[in-house]
């Protein structure tokens, strides 16, 4: 987990603990206090689930973006290599044609 995740988890845990302690020390009936604790626990659970979903979506988005960037970089490298290979082949074909012409001249003179 990253720093942001730990910070948010700490804030949520602190909020839940503080709310629970506040409810326990509040002058209210036992049944009402238990209900408030249950409600707060459900609320905190929902917040944690929402944050976990948000974090998961963020990770998926980041991974997807980086994968696309990597795919683009690989495509660029392959394309550049293909162009360089074509240039090399053209250069070698010209050299071969020159050598064949020189070879013909040498064969005629002998």
C-alpha atoms as a PDB file:
ATOM      1  CA  UNK A   1       0.000   0.000   0.000  1.00  0.00           C
ATOM      2  CA  UNK A   2       1.128   3.524  -0.676  1.00  0.00           C
ATOM      3  CA  UNK A   3       1.437   6.450   1.679  1.00  0.00           C
ATOM      4  CA  UNK A   4      -1.955   7.845   0.650  1.00  0.00           C
ATOM      5  CA  UNK A   5      -3.695   4.543   1.327  1.00  0.00           C
ATOM      6  CA  UNK A   6      -2.125   4.231   4.769  1.00  0.00           C
ATOM      7  CA  UNK A   7      -3.024   7.823   5.605  1.00  0.00           C
ATOM      8  CA  UNK A   8      -6.647   7.399   4.567  1.00  0.00           C
ATOM      9  CA  UNK A   9      -6.896   4.074   6.402  1.00  0.00           C
ATOM     10  CA  UNK A  10      -5.480   5.746   9.545  1.00  0.00           C
ATOM     11  CA  UNK A  11      -7.928   8.639   9.272  1.00  0.00           C
ATOM     12  CA  UNK A  12     -10.877   6.281   8.836  1.00  0.00           C
ATOM     13  CA  UNK A  13      -9.763   4.096  11.749  1.00  0.00           C
ATOM     14  CA  UNK A  14      -9.262   7.167  13.959  1.00  0.00           C
ATOM     15  CA  UNK A  15     -12.688   8.495  12.988  1.00  0.00           C
ATOM     16  CA  UNK A  16     -14.329   5.166  13.776  1.00  0.00           C
ATOM     17  CA  UNK A  17     -12.569   4.879  17.137  1.00  0.00           C
ATOM     18  CA  UNK A  18     -13.376   8.481  18.047  1.00  0.00           C
ATOM     19  CA  UNK A  19     -17.032   8.116  17.073  1.00  0.00           C
ATOM     20  CA  UNK A  20     -17.322   4.863  19.036  1.00  0.00           C
ATOM     21  CA  UNK A  21     -15.753   6.401  22.158  1.00  0.00           C
ATOM     22  CA  UNK A  22     -17.965   9.463  21.819  1.00  0.00           C
ATOM     23  CA  UNK A  23     -21.048   7.286  21.622  1.00  0.00           C
ATOM     24  CA  UNK A  24     -19.970   5.146  24.588  1.00  0.00           C
ATOM     25  CA  UNK A  25     -19.458   8.165  26.826  1.00  0.00           C
ATOM     26  CA  UNK A  26     -22.617   9.949  25.698  1.00  0.00           C
ATOM     27  CA  UNK A  27     -25.476   9.888  28.235  1.00  0.00           C
ATOM     28  CA  UNK A  28     -27.961   7.655  26.415  1.00  0.00           C
ATOM     29  CA  UNK A  29     -29.796   4.363  26.929  1.00  0.00           C
ATOM     30  CA  UNK A  30     -27.830   1.149  26.337  1.00  0.00           C
ATOM     31  CA  UNK A  31     -30.023   0.045  23.441  1.00  0.00           C
ATOM     32  CA  UNK A  32     -29.713   3.424  21.734  1.00  0.00           C
ATOM     33  CA  UNK A  33     -25.946   3.405  22.267  1.00  0.00           C
ATOM     34  CA  UNK A  34     -25.636  -0.092  20.809  1.00  0.00           C
ATOM     35  CA  UNK A  35     -27.718   0.963  17.805  1.00  0.00           C
ATOM     36  CA  UNK A  36     -25.563   4.033  17.243  1.00  0.00           C
ATOM     37  CA  UNK A  37     -22.407   1.882  17.449  1.00  0.00           C
ATOM     38  CA  UNK A  38     -23.887  -0.580  14.940  1.00  0.00           C
ATOM     39  CA  UNK A  39     -24.901   2.281  12.624  1.00  0.00           C
ATOM     40  CA  UNK A  40     -21.453   3.844  12.863  1.00  0.00           C
ATOM     41  CA  UNK A  41     -19.791   0.468  12.181  1.00  0.00           C
ATOM     42  CA  UNK A  42     -21.933   0.019   9.055  1.00  0.00           C
ATOM     43  CA  UNK A  43     -21.151   3.561   7.937  1.00  0.00           C
ATOM     44  CA  UNK A  44     -17.413   3.000   8.463  1.00  0.00           C
ATOM     45  CA  UNK A  45     -17.554  -0.342   6.652  1.00  0.00           C
ATOM     46  CA  UNK A  46     -19.291   1.350   3.708  1.00  0.00           C
ATOM     47  CA  UNK A  47     -16.649   4.101   3.651  1.00  0.00           C
ATOM     48  CA  UNK A  48     -13.854   1.512   3.674  1.00  0.00           C
ATOM     49  CA  UNK A  49     -15.515  -0.482   0.889  1.00  0.00           C
ATOM     50  CA  UNK A  50     -15.941   2.690  -1.164  1.00  0.00           C
ATOM     51  CA  UNK A  51     -12.306   3.656  -0.631  1.00  0.00           C
ATOM     52  CA  UNK A  52     -11.121   0.145  -1.514  1.00  0.00           C
ATOM     53  CA  UNK A  53     -13.133   0.259  -4.741  1.00  0.00           C
ATOM     54  CA  UNK A  54     -11.747   3.701  -5.553  1.00  0.00           C
ATOM     55  CA  UNK A  55      -8.198   2.527  -4.865  1.00  0.00           C
ATOM     56  CA  UNK A  56      -8.695  -0.582  -7.021  1.00  0.00           C
ATOM     57  CA  UNK A  57     -10.070   1.535  -9.878  1.00  0.00           C
ATOM     58  CA  UNK A  58      -7.104   3.886  -9.562  1.00  0.00           C
ATOM     59  CA  UNK A  59      -4.623   1.002  -9.696  1.00  0.00           C
ATOM     60  CA  UNK A  60      -6.395  -0.556 -12.696  1.00  0.00           C
ATOM     61  CA  UNK A  61      -6.377   2.788 -14.483  1.00  0.00           C
ATOM     62  CA  UNK A  62      -2.695   3.378 -13.755  1.00  0.00           C
ATOM     63  CA  UNK A  63      -1.708  -0.113 -14.890  1.00  0.00           C
ATOM     64  CA  UNK A  64      -3.796   0.248 -18.053  1.00  0.00           C
ATOM     65  CA  UNK A  65      -2.251   3.622 -18.871  1.00  0.00           C
ATOM     66  CA  UNK A  66       1.277   2.357 -18.328  1.00  0.00           C
ATOM     67  CA  UNK A  67       0.570  -0.742 -20.439  1.00  0.00           C
ATOM     68  CA  UNK A  68      -0.659   1.465 -23.290  1.00  0.00           C
ATOM     69  CA  UNK A  69       2.438   3.658 -22.956  1.00  0.00           C
ATOM     70  CA  UNK A  70       4.687   0.578 -23.012  1.00  0.00           C
ATOM     71  CA  UNK A  71       2.839  -0.793 -26.063  1.00  0.00           C
ATOM     72  CA  UNK A  72       3.311   2.545 -27.841  1.00  0.00           C
ATOM     73  CA  UNK A  73       7.021   2.583 -27.001  1.00  0.00           C
ATOM     74  CA  UNK A  74       7.475  -0.983 -28.247  1.00  0.00           C
ATOM     75  CA  UNK A  75       5.630  -0.143 -31.471  1.00  0.00           C
ATOM     76  CA  UNK A  76       7.875   2.897 -32.005  1.00  0.00           C
ATOM     77  CA  UNK A  77      11.025   0.852 -31.417  1.00  0.00           C
ATOM     78  CA  UNK A  78       9.890  -1.882 -33.818  1.00  0.00           C
ATOM     79  CA  UNK A  79       8.968   0.708 -36.439  1.00  0.00           C
ATOM     80  CA  UNK A  80      12.333   2.480 -36.103  1.00  0.00           C
ATOM     81  CA  UNK A  81      14.172  -0.830 -36.329  1.00  0.00           C
ATOM     82  CA  UNK A  82      12.194  -1.736 -39.458  1.00  0.00           C
ATOM     83  CA  UNK A  83      13.095   1.579 -41.124  1.00  0.00           C
ATOM     84  CA  UNK A  84      16.759   1.138 -40.241  1.00  0.00           C
ATOM     85  CA  UNK A  85      16.697  -2.413 -41.594  1.00  0.00           C
ATOM     86  CA  UNK A  86      15.184  -1.133 -44.856  1.00  0.00           C
ATOM     87  CA  UNK A  87      17.892   1.548 -45.082  1.00  0.00           C
ATOM     88  CA  UNK A  88      20.583  -1.065 -44.459  1.00  0.00           C
ATOM     89  CA  UNK A  89      19.127  -3.419 -47.078  1.00  0.00           C
ATOM     90  CA  UNK A  90      18.994  -0.587 -49.641  1.00  0.00           C
ATOM     91  CA  UNK A  91      22.607   0.365 -48.900  1.00  0.00           C
ATOM     92  CA  UNK A  92      23.753  -3.251 -49.198  1.00  0.00           C
ATOM     93  CA  UNK A  93      21.838  -3.686 -52.478  1.00  0.00           C
ATOM     94  CA  UNK A  94      23.587  -0.598 -53.903  1.00  0.00           C
ATOM     95  CA  UNK A  95      26.986  -1.920 -52.769  1.00  0.00           C
ATOM     96  CA  UNK A  96      26.194  -5.307 -54.328  1.00  0.00           C
ATOM     97  CA  UNK A  97      25.193  -3.651 -57.623  1.00  0.00           C
ATOM     98  CA  UNK A  98      28.471  -1.668 -57.587  1.00  0.00           C
ATOM     99  CA  UNK A  99      30.475  -4.837 -56.915  1.00  0.00           C
ATOM    100  CA  UNK A 100      28.680  -6.682 -59.721  1.00  0.00           C
ATOM    101  CA  UNK A 101      29.448  -3.813 -62.129  1.00  0.00           C
ATOM    102  CA  UNK A 102      33.128  -3.833 -61.106  1.00  0.00           C
ATOM    103  CA  UNK A 103      33.207  -7.598 -61.443  1.00  0.00           C
ATOM    104  CA  UNK A 104      31.775  -7.366 -65.016  1.00  0.00           C
ATOM    105  CA  UNK A 105      34.434  -4.817 -65.939  1.00  0.00           C
ATOM    106  CA  UNK A 106      37.138  -7.090 -64.563  1.00  0.00           C
ATOM    107  CA  UNK A 107      35.761 -10.083 -66.467  1.00  0.00           C
ATOM    108  CA  UNK A 108      35.705  -8.108 -69.771  1.00  0.00           C
ATOM    109  CA  UNK A 109      39.284  -6.933 -69.391  1.00  0.00           C
ATOM    110  CA  UNK A 110      40.675 -10.361 -68.682  1.00  0.00           C
END
